């Protein structure tokens, strides 16, 4: 059994945060959130770490994160490059934005050689989440069965603004995903959360316990052919409508495969609390939470 690999998507622009939030220190030792994800992954039994970055940021990642970690984890750096497109397509003039999370994973295609998990670089997922997904990836399941760590919506919110989350619908068994609907503006409410699709004119309540996706997926390498094969049709449909900002999001592919009955996605329930730095005002809360976890012995004072 090959050790599962961890793919970390770190090429986003971080526009709402106002800087390269992946590199913002979250403790006195200058660790980033990515440090904690890699530490938790290695502790859970993951092998190679595949870090997807912008080409211009690789040296910075190597000289900071890479030097800190040293030989504690094998890291392979992969570039998300806008020009990696299906034959017949080119980058529209004026486009700066990357092509999204599905494209990021596609850029790592050559580096992925085993069952793998995918996470965002700027989300703190919690140690149990890595244990849960590792158990799935090393267990027995059909080739076309994937997994997603499911969080409770109330554990994924910030007090400093709204967040985007994939709200999950479950099948009759309650174990498998029937679909994800991306809600781009979710805010905290007593007893859960609420989302708006009309800029705050009306809200729909989401009760506590509602399952949401935090983009923590578990796949076998065969998903890469699906991502690659569906990219051209995505571009044909979306480039004319939004050439500068349309994004090929990772949840789109499992959604389509579920609808086509070509794959199933097992939802792995997780009660961990998410922490993230969507906004700069989130940073003190993240730092305080990590300091408390160190005090409680969840993490050592220095990770590496």
C-alpha atoms as a PDB file:
ATOM      1  CA  UNK A   1       0.000   0.000   0.000  1.00  0.00           C
ATOM      2  CA  UNK A   2       1.428   3.346  -1.085  1.00  0.00           C
ATOM      3  CA  UNK A   3       1.352   6.108   1.463  1.00  0.00           C
ATOM      4  CA  UNK A   4      -1.341   8.639   0.569  1.00  0.00           C
ATOM      5  CA  UNK A   5      -0.126  12.001  -0.644  1.00  0.00           C
ATOM      6  CA  UNK A   6      -1.329  15.453   0.380  1.00  0.00           C
ATOM      7  CA  UNK A   7      -1.953  18.122  -2.254  1.00  0.00           C
ATOM      8  CA  UNK A   8      -2.000  21.663  -0.848  1.00  0.00           C
ATOM      9  CA  UNK A   9      -3.393  24.462  -3.007  1.00  0.00           C
ATOM     10  CA  UNK A  10      -1.367  27.603  -2.247  1.00  0.00           C
ATOM     11  CA  UNK A  11      -1.547  29.573  -5.491  1.00  0.00           C
ATOM     12  CA  UNK A  12      -4.629  31.688  -4.684  1.00  0.00           C
ATOM     13  CA  UNK A  13      -4.445  35.454  -4.683  1.00  0.00           C
ATOM     14  CA  UNK A  14      -5.874  36.032  -1.199  1.00  0.00           C
ATOM     15  CA  UNK A  15      -7.701  39.164  -2.352  1.00  0.00           C
ATOM     16  CA  UNK A  16     -10.103  39.506   0.589  1.00  0.00           C
ATOM     17  CA  UNK A  17      -7.252  39.134   3.061  1.00  0.00           C
ATOM     18  CA  UNK A  18      -5.188  41.859   1.406  1.00  0.00           C
ATOM     19  CA  UNK A  19      -1.933  39.948   0.917  1.00  0.00           C
ATOM     20  CA  UNK A  20      -0.334  36.526   0.693  1.00  0.00           C
ATOM     21  CA  UNK A  21      -2.246  35.077   3.629  1.00  0.00           C
ATOM     22  CA  UNK A  22      -0.685  31.635   3.179  1.00  0.00           C
ATOM     23  CA  UNK A  23       2.507  33.131   4.599  1.00  0.00           C
ATOM     24  CA  UNK A  24       1.077  34.976   7.578  1.00  0.00           C
ATOM     25  CA  UNK A  25       2.607  33.684  10.867  1.00  0.00           C
ATOM     26  CA  UNK A  26       0.028  32.258  13.269  1.00  0.00           C
ATOM     27  CA  UNK A  27       2.292  31.751  16.293  1.00  0.00           C
ATOM     28  CA  UNK A  28       5.457  33.049  17.944  1.00  0.00           C
ATOM     29  CA  UNK A  29       7.577  30.506  16.066  1.00  0.00           C
ATOM     30  CA  UNK A  30       6.503  31.990  12.708  1.00  0.00           C
ATOM     31  CA  UNK A  31       4.650  28.849  11.674  1.00  0.00           C
ATOM     32  CA  UNK A  32       2.001  29.289   9.006  1.00  0.00           C
ATOM     33  CA  UNK A  33      -1.299  27.443   8.845  1.00  0.00           C
ATOM     34  CA  UNK A  34       0.316  25.193   6.207  1.00  0.00           C
ATOM     35  CA  UNK A  35       2.878  24.081   8.815  1.00  0.00           C
ATOM     36  CA  UNK A  36       0.064  22.713  10.959  1.00  0.00           C
ATOM     37  CA  UNK A  37      -1.590  20.954   8.021  1.00  0.00           C
ATOM     38  CA  UNK A  38       1.681  19.279   7.050  1.00  0.00           C
ATOM     39  CA  UNK A  39       2.423  18.377  10.673  1.00  0.00           C
ATOM     40  CA  UNK A  40      -1.030  16.819  11.092  1.00  0.00           C
ATOM     41  CA  UNK A  41      -0.742  14.991   7.766  1.00  0.00           C
ATOM     42  CA  UNK A  42       2.669  13.506   8.542  1.00  0.00           C
ATOM     43  CA  UNK A  43       1.455  12.510  11.995  1.00  0.00           C
ATOM     44  CA  UNK A  44      -1.564  10.798  10.394  1.00  0.00           C
ATOM     45  CA  UNK A  45       0.657   8.799   8.014  1.00  0.00           C
ATOM     46  CA  UNK A  46       0.721  10.774   4.758  1.00  0.00           C
ATOM     47  CA  UNK A  47       3.799  10.525   2.563  1.00  0.00           C
ATOM     48  CA  UNK A  48       4.757  13.130  -0.015  1.00  0.00           C
ATOM     49  CA  UNK A  49       3.423  16.674   0.257  1.00  0.00           C
ATOM     50  CA  UNK A  50       2.640  18.322  -3.091  1.00  0.00           C
ATOM     51  CA  UNK A  51       2.556  22.100  -2.750  1.00  0.00           C
ATOM     52  CA  UNK A  52       0.914  24.015  -5.604  1.00  0.00           C
ATOM     53  CA  UNK A  53       2.267  27.560  -5.827  1.00  0.00           C
ATOM     54  CA  UNK A  54       2.673  30.407  -8.239  1.00  0.00           C
ATOM     55  CA  UNK A  55       6.036  30.131 -10.032  1.00  0.00           C
ATOM     56  CA  UNK A  56       7.173  33.486  -8.635  1.00  0.00           C
ATOM     57  CA  UNK A  57       6.519  32.310  -5.050  1.00  0.00           C
ATOM     58  CA  UNK A  58       8.338  28.958  -5.086  1.00  0.00           C
ATOM     59  CA  UNK A  59      11.683  30.343  -3.887  1.00  0.00           C
ATOM     60  CA  UNK A  60       9.968  32.098  -0.991  1.00  0.00           C
ATOM     61  CA  UNK A  61       8.184  28.889   0.051  1.00  0.00           C
ATOM     62  CA  UNK A  62      11.426  26.898  -0.197  1.00  0.00           C
ATOM     63  CA  UNK A  63      13.447  29.408   1.817  1.00  0.00           C
ATOM     64  CA  UNK A  64      10.909  29.625   4.631  1.00  0.00           C
ATOM     65  CA  UNK A  65       8.527  26.678   4.938  1.00  0.00           C
ATOM     66  CA  UNK A  66      10.890  24.250   3.209  1.00  0.00           C
ATOM     67  CA  UNK A  67      13.856  25.129   5.414  1.00  0.00           C
ATOM     68  CA  UNK A  68      11.752  24.938   8.584  1.00  0.00           C
ATOM     69  CA  UNK A  69      10.439  21.486   7.784  1.00  0.00           C
ATOM     70  CA  UNK A  70      13.748  20.129   6.506  1.00  0.00           C
ATOM     71  CA  UNK A  71      13.674  16.339   6.274  1.00  0.00           C
ATOM     72  CA  UNK A  72      10.524  15.926   8.391  1.00  0.00           C
ATOM     73  CA  UNK A  73       8.413  15.736   5.221  1.00  0.00           C
ATOM     74  CA  UNK A  74       9.085  15.292   1.502  1.00  0.00           C
ATOM     75  CA  UNK A  75       7.772  18.334  -0.362  1.00  0.00           C
ATOM     76  CA  UNK A  76       7.397  18.602  -4.125  1.00  0.00           C
ATOM     77  CA  UNK A  77       6.643  22.040  -5.529  1.00  0.00           C
ATOM     78  CA  UNK A  78       4.264  22.336  -8.478  1.00  0.00           C
ATOM     79  CA  UNK A  79       3.378  25.498 -10.402  1.00  0.00           C
ATOM     80  CA  UNK A  80      -0.157  26.556 -11.232  1.00  0.00           C
ATOM     81  CA  UNK A  81       0.332  28.236 -14.580  1.00  0.00           C
ATOM     82  CA  UNK A  82      -2.517  29.955 -16.428  1.00  0.00           C
ATOM     83  CA  UNK A  83      -1.157  28.779 -19.774  1.00  0.00           C
ATOM     84  CA  UNK A  84      -1.794  25.105 -18.910  1.00  0.00           C
ATOM     85  CA  UNK A  85      -4.981  24.818 -20.961  1.00  0.00           C
ATOM     86  CA  UNK A  86      -6.585  22.282 -23.300  1.00  0.00           C
ATOM     87  CA  UNK A  87      -5.547  22.395 -26.933  1.00  0.00           C
ATOM     88  CA  UNK A  88      -7.199  25.235 -28.814  1.00  0.00           C
ATOM     89  CA  UNK A  89      -7.543  27.563 -25.814  1.00  0.00           C
ATOM     90  CA  UNK A  90      -5.413  30.530 -24.743  1.00  0.00           C
ATOM     91  CA  UNK A  91      -5.396  32.920 -21.784  1.00  0.00           C
ATOM     92  CA  UNK A  92      -7.733  35.870 -22.443  1.00  0.00           C
ATOM     93  CA  UNK A  93      -6.035  39.240 -22.636  1.00  0.00           C
ATOM     94  CA  UNK A  94      -6.023  40.931 -19.231  1.00  0.00           C
ATOM     95  CA  UNK A  95      -6.699  37.797 -17.186  1.00  0.00           C
ATOM     96  CA  UNK A  96      -4.629  37.634 -13.967  1.00  0.00           C
ATOM     97  CA  UNK A  97      -6.690  35.221 -11.878  1.00  0.00           C
ATOM     98  CA  UNK A  98      -5.738  31.530 -11.772  1.00  0.00           C
ATOM     99  CA  UNK A  99      -8.213  29.078 -13.295  1.00  0.00           C
ATOM    100  CA  UNK A 100      -9.458  27.723  -9.960  1.00  0.00           C
ATOM    101  CA  UNK A 101      -9.004  24.739  -7.694  1.00  0.00           C
ATOM    102  CA  UNK A 102      -9.723  21.977 -10.232  1.00  0.00           C
ATOM    103  CA  UNK A 103      -7.118  23.505 -12.538  1.00  0.00           C
ATOM    104  CA  UNK A 104      -4.657  23.667  -9.617  1.00  0.00           C
ATOM    105  CA  UNK A 105      -4.995  19.921  -9.042  1.00  0.00           C
ATOM    106  CA  UNK A 106      -4.660  19.305 -12.770  1.00  0.00           C
ATOM    107  CA  UNK A 107      -1.348  21.199 -12.738  1.00  0.00           C
ATOM    108  CA  UNK A 108      -0.105  18.631 -10.155  1.00  0.00           C
ATOM    109  CA  UNK A 109      -1.035  15.664 -12.347  1.00  0.00           C
ATOM    110  CA  UNK A 110       2.536  14.433 -12.930  1.00  0.00           C
ATOM    111  CA  UNK A 111       3.433  14.683  -9.242  1.00  0.00           C
ATOM    112  CA  UNK A 112       0.457  12.644  -7.982  1.00  0.00           C
ATOM    113  CA  UNK A 113       1.318   8.948  -7.915  1.00  0.00           C
ATOM    114  CA  UNK A 114      -0.913   7.549  -5.144  1.00  0.00           C
ATOM    115  CA  UNK A 115      -4.311   8.083  -3.512  1.00  0.00           C
ATOM    116  CA  UNK A 116      -4.342  11.672  -2.359  1.00  0.00           C
ATOM    117  CA  UNK A 117      -6.101  14.273  -0.271  1.00  0.00           C
ATOM    118  CA  UNK A 118      -6.567  17.891  -1.351  1.00  0.00           C
ATOM    119  CA  UNK A 119      -6.746  20.896   0.969  1.00  0.00           C
ATOM    120  CA  UNK A 120      -6.560  24.684   0.875  1.00  0.00           C
ATOM    121  CA  UNK A 121      -3.354  26.277   2.146  1.00  0.00           C
ATOM    122  CA  UNK A 122      -5.074  28.893   4.288  1.00  0.00           C
ATOM    123  CA  UNK A 123      -7.520  26.673   6.193  1.00  0.00           C
ATOM    124  CA  UNK A 124      -6.812  25.056   9.570  1.00  0.00           C
ATOM    125  CA  UNK A 125      -8.618  21.725   9.425  1.00  0.00           C
ATOM    126  CA  UNK A 126      -7.712  20.067  12.733  1.00  0.00           C
ATOM    127  CA  UNK A 127      -5.720  16.902  13.404  1.00  0.00           C
ATOM    128  CA  UNK A 128      -8.719  14.546  13.421  1.00  0.00           C
ATOM    129  CA  UNK A 129      -9.648  15.519   9.869  1.00  0.00           C
ATOM    130  CA  UNK A 130      -6.324  14.181   8.575  1.00  0.00           C
ATOM    131  CA  UNK A 131      -6.739  10.950  10.512  1.00  0.00           C
ATOM    132  CA  UNK A 132     -10.236  10.483   9.106  1.00  0.00           C
ATOM    133  CA  UNK A 133      -9.253  11.020   5.465  1.00  0.00           C
ATOM    134  CA  UNK A 134      -6.072   8.914   5.838  1.00  0.00           C
ATOM    135  CA  UNK A 135      -8.159   6.030   7.173  1.00  0.00           C
ATOM    136  CA  UNK A 136     -10.392   6.249   4.119  1.00  0.00           C
ATOM    137  CA  UNK A 137      -7.544   6.480   1.612  1.00  0.00           C
ATOM    138  CA  UNK A 138      -5.795   3.423   3.056  1.00  0.00           C
ATOM    139  CA  UNK A 139      -8.989   1.386   3.463  1.00  0.00           C
ATOM    140  CA  UNK A 140     -10.934  -0.824   1.081  1.00  0.00           C
ATOM    141  CA  UNK A 141     -13.372   0.953  -1.230  1.00  0.00           C
ATOM    142  CA  UNK A 142     -14.248   0.844  -4.936  1.00  0.00           C
ATOM    143  CA  UNK A 143     -11.964   2.657  -7.366  1.00  0.00           C
ATOM    144  CA  UNK A 144     -14.714   5.165  -8.187  1.00  0.00           C
ATOM    145  CA  UNK A 145     -15.532   5.961  -4.562  1.00  0.00           C
ATOM    146  CA  UNK A 146     -14.069   9.203  -3.292  1.00  0.00           C
ATOM    147  CA  UNK A 147     -14.428  11.037   0.010  1.00  0.00           C
ATOM    148  CA  UNK A 148     -14.978  14.482   1.453  1.00  0.00           C
ATOM    149  CA  UNK A 149     -14.490  15.594   5.044  1.00  0.00           C
ATOM    150  CA  UNK A 150     -17.794  17.095   6.128  1.00  0.00           C
ATOM    151  CA  UNK A 151     -17.787  19.945   8.650  1.00  0.00           C
ATOM    152  CA  UNK A 152     -20.690  21.319  10.654  1.00  0.00           C
ATOM    153  CA  UNK A 153     -21.530  24.772   9.329  1.00  0.00           C
ATOM    154  CA  UNK A 154     -21.410  26.436  12.751  1.00  0.00           C
ATOM    155  CA  UNK A 155     -17.781  25.295  13.104  1.00  0.00           C
ATOM    156  CA  UNK A 156     -16.669  27.016   9.887  1.00  0.00           C
ATOM    157  CA  UNK A 157     -17.684  30.649  10.289  1.00  0.00           C
ATOM    158  CA  UNK A 158     -15.942  33.931  11.052  1.00  0.00           C
ATOM    159  CA  UNK A 159     -17.290  36.810  13.099  1.00  0.00           C
ATOM    160  CA  UNK A 160     -15.557  39.284  10.801  1.00  0.00           C
ATOM    161  CA  UNK A 161     -17.588  38.931   7.633  1.00  0.00           C
ATOM    162  CA  UNK A 162     -19.164  36.371   5.374  1.00  0.00           C
ATOM    163  CA  UNK A 163     -17.642  33.202   3.946  1.00  0.00           C
ATOM    164  CA  UNK A 164     -18.244  30.949   0.948  1.00  0.00           C
ATOM    165  CA  UNK A 165     -19.046  27.315   1.704  1.00  0.00           C
ATOM    166  CA  UNK A 166     -20.255  24.346  -0.271  1.00  0.00           C
ATOM    167  CA  UNK A 167     -23.535  23.278   1.352  1.00  0.00           C
ATOM    168  CA  UNK A 168     -23.910  19.522   1.059  1.00  0.00           C
ATOM    169  CA  UNK A 169     -26.985  17.487   0.215  1.00  0.00           C
ATOM    170  CA  UNK A 170     -26.876  13.858   1.326  1.00  0.00           C
ATOM    171  CA  UNK A 171     -28.425  10.732  -0.179  1.00  0.00           C
ATOM    172  CA  UNK A 172     -31.008   8.620   1.642  1.00  0.00           C
ATOM    173  CA  UNK A 173     -28.335   6.674   3.528  1.00  0.00           C
ATOM    174  CA  UNK A 174     -26.897   9.859   5.001  1.00  0.00           C
ATOM    175  CA  UNK A 175     -23.406   8.600   4.158  1.00  0.00           C
ATOM    176  CA  UNK A 176     -22.909   9.752   0.587  1.00  0.00           C
ATOM    177  CA  UNK A 177     -23.011  13.101  -1.132  1.00  0.00           C
ATOM    178  CA  UNK A 178     -25.845  13.760  -3.564  1.00  0.00           C
ATOM    179  CA  UNK A 179     -24.571  17.229  -4.473  1.00  0.00           C
ATOM    180  CA  UNK A 180     -22.919  20.461  -3.331  1.00  0.00           C
ATOM    181  CA  UNK A 181     -24.310  23.939  -3.844  1.00  0.00           C
ATOM    182  CA  UNK A 182     -21.793  26.750  -3.447  1.00  0.00           C
ATOM    183  CA  UNK A 183     -23.150  29.538  -1.255  1.00  0.00           C
ATOM    184  CA  UNK A 184     -20.911  32.556  -1.583  1.00  0.00           C
ATOM    185  CA  UNK A 185     -22.223  34.596   1.350  1.00  0.00           C
ATOM    186  CA  UNK A 186     -22.838  32.707   4.590  1.00  0.00           C
ATOM    187  CA  UNK A 187     -22.989  34.519   7.931  1.00  0.00           C
ATOM    188  CA  UNK A 188     -23.317  33.366  11.554  1.00  0.00           C
ATOM    189  CA  UNK A 189     -26.757  33.173  13.178  1.00  0.00           C
ATOM    190  CA  UNK A 190     -28.056  31.918  16.514  1.00  0.00           C
ATOM    191  CA  UNK A 191     -28.514  28.181  16.105  1.00  0.00           C
ATOM    192  CA  UNK A 192     -26.529  27.953  12.882  1.00  0.00           C
ATOM    193  CA  UNK A 193     -25.942  30.220   9.894  1.00  0.00           C
ATOM    194  CA  UNK A 194     -27.761  31.893   7.011  1.00  0.00           C
ATOM    195  CA  UNK A 195     -26.917  32.598   3.389  1.00  0.00           C
ATOM    196  CA  UNK A 196     -28.072  35.233   0.931  1.00  0.00           C
ATOM    197  CA  UNK A 197     -28.086  35.140  -2.858  1.00  0.00           C
ATOM    198  CA  UNK A 198     -29.506  38.651  -3.376  1.00  0.00           C
ATOM    199  CA  UNK A 199     -26.914  40.816  -1.599  1.00  0.00           C
ATOM    200  CA  UNK A 200     -28.576  40.680   1.806  1.00  0.00           C
ATOM    201  CA  UNK A 201     -32.183  41.367   0.846  1.00  0.00           C
ATOM    202  CA  UNK A 202     -33.293  37.897   1.940  1.00  0.00           C
ATOM    203  CA  UNK A 203     -31.601  35.095   3.892  1.00  0.00           C
ATOM    204  CA  UNK A 204     -32.072  31.334   4.110  1.00  0.00           C
ATOM    205  CA  UNK A 205     -31.367  29.727   7.483  1.00  0.00           C
ATOM    206  CA  UNK A 206     -28.949  26.787   7.828  1.00  0.00           C
ATOM    207  CA  UNK A 207     -29.414  24.974  11.159  1.00  0.00           C
ATOM    208  CA  UNK A 208     -26.490  23.833  13.293  1.00  0.00           C
ATOM    209  CA  UNK A 209     -25.183  20.496  12.076  1.00  0.00           C
ATOM    210  CA  UNK A 210     -25.683  21.305   8.385  1.00  0.00           C
ATOM    211  CA  UNK A 211     -22.833  19.622   6.514  1.00  0.00           C
ATOM    212  CA  UNK A 212     -20.558  21.877   4.495  1.00  0.00           C
ATOM    213  CA  UNK A 213     -17.459  21.269   2.427  1.00  0.00           C
ATOM    214  CA  UNK A 214     -14.163  22.924   3.306  1.00  0.00           C
ATOM    215  CA  UNK A 215     -12.493  21.608   0.137  1.00  0.00           C
ATOM    216  CA  UNK A 216     -10.918  18.639   1.956  1.00  0.00           C
ATOM    217  CA  UNK A 217     -11.190  15.791  -0.543  1.00  0.00           C
ATOM    218  CA  UNK A 218      -9.883  12.268  -0.862  1.00  0.00           C
ATOM    219  CA  UNK A 219      -9.353  10.885  -4.379  1.00  0.00           C
ATOM    220  CA  UNK A 220      -7.708   8.105  -6.310  1.00  0.00           C
ATOM    221  CA  UNK A 221      -5.514   9.253  -9.223  1.00  0.00           C
ATOM    222  CA  UNK A 222      -8.179   8.330 -11.785  1.00  0.00           C
ATOM    223  CA  UNK A 223     -10.021  11.557 -10.894  1.00  0.00           C
ATOM    224  CA  UNK A 224      -7.266  13.445 -12.767  1.00  0.00           C
ATOM    225  CA  UNK A 225      -8.478  12.126 -16.129  1.00  0.00           C
ATOM    226  CA  UNK A 226     -11.962  13.371 -15.284  1.00  0.00           C
ATOM    227  CA  UNK A 227     -10.675  16.822 -14.336  1.00  0.00           C
ATOM    228  CA  UNK A 228      -8.649  17.030 -17.538  1.00  0.00           C
ATOM    229  CA  UNK A 229     -11.385  15.654 -19.764  1.00  0.00           C
ATOM    230  CA  UNK A 230     -14.036  18.104 -18.542  1.00  0.00           C
ATOM    231  CA  UNK A 231     -11.928  21.261 -18.662  1.00  0.00           C
ATOM    232  CA  UNK A 232     -12.488  22.079 -22.335  1.00  0.00           C
ATOM    233  CA  UNK A 233     -16.275  21.928 -22.064  1.00  0.00           C
ATOM    234  CA  UNK A 234     -16.105  24.152 -18.964  1.00  0.00           C
ATOM    235  CA  UNK A 235     -14.080  26.731 -20.887  1.00  0.00           C
ATOM    236  CA  UNK A 236     -16.357  26.615 -23.929  1.00  0.00           C
ATOM    237  CA  UNK A 237     -19.340  27.345 -21.696  1.00  0.00           C
ATOM    238  CA  UNK A 238     -17.821  29.930 -19.358  1.00  0.00           C
ATOM    239  CA  UNK A 239     -15.156  31.879 -21.238  1.00  0.00           C
ATOM    240  CA  UNK A 240     -17.670  33.798 -23.360  1.00  0.00           C
ATOM    241  CA  UNK A 241     -19.604  34.813 -20.227  1.00  0.00           C
ATOM    242  CA  UNK A 242     -16.726  35.665 -17.869  1.00  0.00           C
ATOM    243  CA  UNK A 243     -13.302  35.530 -19.549  1.00  0.00           C
ATOM    244  CA  UNK A 244     -11.350  37.274 -16.786  1.00  0.00           C
ATOM    245  CA  UNK A 245     -12.772  35.634 -13.670  1.00  0.00           C
ATOM    246  CA  UNK A 246     -14.459  32.287 -14.402  1.00  0.00           C
ATOM    247  CA  UNK A 247     -12.937  29.494 -12.303  1.00  0.00           C
ATOM    248  CA  UNK A 248     -12.898  25.717 -12.693  1.00  0.00           C
ATOM    249  CA  UNK A 249     -13.743  24.705  -9.130  1.00  0.00           C
ATOM    250  CA  UNK A 250     -12.876  21.258  -7.800  1.00  0.00           C
ATOM    251  CA  UNK A 251     -16.366  20.388  -6.426  1.00  0.00           C
ATOM    252  CA  UNK A 252     -17.737  20.671  -9.953  1.00  0.00           C
ATOM    253  CA  UNK A 253     -16.167  17.350 -10.939  1.00  0.00           C
ATOM    254  CA  UNK A 254     -17.533  15.165  -8.097  1.00  0.00           C
ATOM    255  CA  UNK A 255     -20.908  16.879  -8.570  1.00  0.00           C
ATOM    256  CA  UNK A 256     -20.974  15.891 -12.232  1.00  0.00           C
ATOM    257  CA  UNK A 257     -19.771  12.340 -11.579  1.00  0.00           C
ATOM    258  CA  UNK A 258     -22.450  11.854  -8.905  1.00  0.00           C
ATOM    259  CA  UNK A 259     -25.147  13.178 -11.253  1.00  0.00           C
ATOM    260  CA  UNK A 260     -23.910  10.847 -14.002  1.00  0.00           C
ATOM    261  CA  UNK A 261     -23.782   7.906 -11.544  1.00  0.00           C
ATOM    262  CA  UNK A 262     -20.118   7.365 -12.399  1.00  0.00           C
ATOM    263  CA  UNK A 263     -18.809   7.802  -8.841  1.00  0.00           C
ATOM    264  CA  UNK A 264     -19.862   8.105  -5.227  1.00  0.00           C
ATOM    265  CA  UNK A 265     -18.451  10.448  -2.601  1.00  0.00           C
ATOM    266  CA  UNK A 266     -18.528   9.268   0.994  1.00  0.00           C
ATOM    267  CA  UNK A 267     -18.953  12.099   3.479  1.00  0.00           C
ATOM    268  CA  UNK A 268     -16.656  11.655   6.473  1.00  0.00           C
ATOM    269  CA  UNK A 269     -18.198  13.531   9.432  1.00  0.00           C
ATOM    270  CA  UNK A 270     -15.801  15.740  11.361  1.00  0.00           C
ATOM    271  CA  UNK A 271     -16.527  17.784  14.476  1.00  0.00           C
ATOM    272  CA  UNK A 272     -13.263  19.756  14.369  1.00  0.00           C
ATOM    273  CA  UNK A 273     -13.525  23.540  14.431  1.00  0.00           C
ATOM    274  CA  UNK A 274     -12.178  25.244  11.347  1.00  0.00           C
ATOM    275  CA  UNK A 275      -9.941  28.266  11.639  1.00  0.00           C
ATOM    276  CA  UNK A 276      -8.924  30.491   8.782  1.00  0.00           C
ATOM    277  CA  UNK A 277      -7.756  33.955   7.849  1.00  0.00           C
ATOM    278  CA  UNK A 278     -10.314  35.024   5.299  1.00  0.00           C
ATOM    279  CA  UNK A 279      -9.974  38.566   6.676  1.00  0.00           C
ATOM    280  CA  UNK A 280      -7.072  40.225   8.501  1.00  0.00           C
ATOM    281  CA  UNK A 281      -9.306  40.646  11.560  1.00  0.00           C
ATOM    282  CA  UNK A 282      -9.460  36.829  11.817  1.00  0.00           C
ATOM    283  CA  UNK A 283      -5.767  36.583  12.677  1.00  0.00           C
ATOM    284  CA  UNK A 284      -5.946  37.288  16.460  1.00  0.00           C
ATOM    285  CA  UNK A 285      -8.612  34.586  16.891  1.00  0.00           C
ATOM    286  CA  UNK A 286      -6.570  32.040  14.948  1.00  0.00           C
ATOM    287  CA  UNK A 287      -3.449  32.866  16.957  1.00  0.00           C
ATOM    288  CA  UNK A 288      -5.350  32.589  20.248  1.00  0.00           C
ATOM    289  CA  UNK A 289      -6.872  29.236  19.257  1.00  0.00           C
ATOM    290  CA  UNK A 290      -3.492  27.783  18.286  1.00  0.00           C
ATOM    291  CA  UNK A 291      -1.894  29.086  21.475  1.00  0.00           C
ATOM    292  CA  UNK A 292      -4.618  27.326  23.473  1.00  0.00           C
ATOM    293  CA  UNK A 293      -4.128  24.071  21.555  1.00  0.00           C
ATOM    294  CA  UNK A 294      -0.417  24.206  22.368  1.00  0.00           C
ATOM    295  CA  UNK A 295      -1.232  24.840  26.005  1.00  0.00           C
ATOM    296  CA  UNK A 296      -3.571  21.825  25.929  1.00  0.00           C
ATOM    297  CA  UNK A 297      -0.853  19.599  24.416  1.00  0.00           C
ATOM    298  CA  UNK A 298      -2.525  19.157  21.019  1.00  0.00           C
ATOM    299  CA  UNK A 299       0.618  20.551  19.370  1.00  0.00           C
ATOM    300  CA  UNK A 300       4.200  20.924  20.565  1.00  0.00           C
ATOM    301  CA  UNK A 301       5.629  24.382  21.154  1.00  0.00           C
ATOM    302  CA  UNK A 302       7.715  24.054  17.996  1.00  0.00           C
ATOM    303  CA  UNK A 303       6.443  21.751  15.252  1.00  0.00           C
ATOM    304  CA  UNK A 304       9.722  20.939  13.507  1.00  0.00           C
END
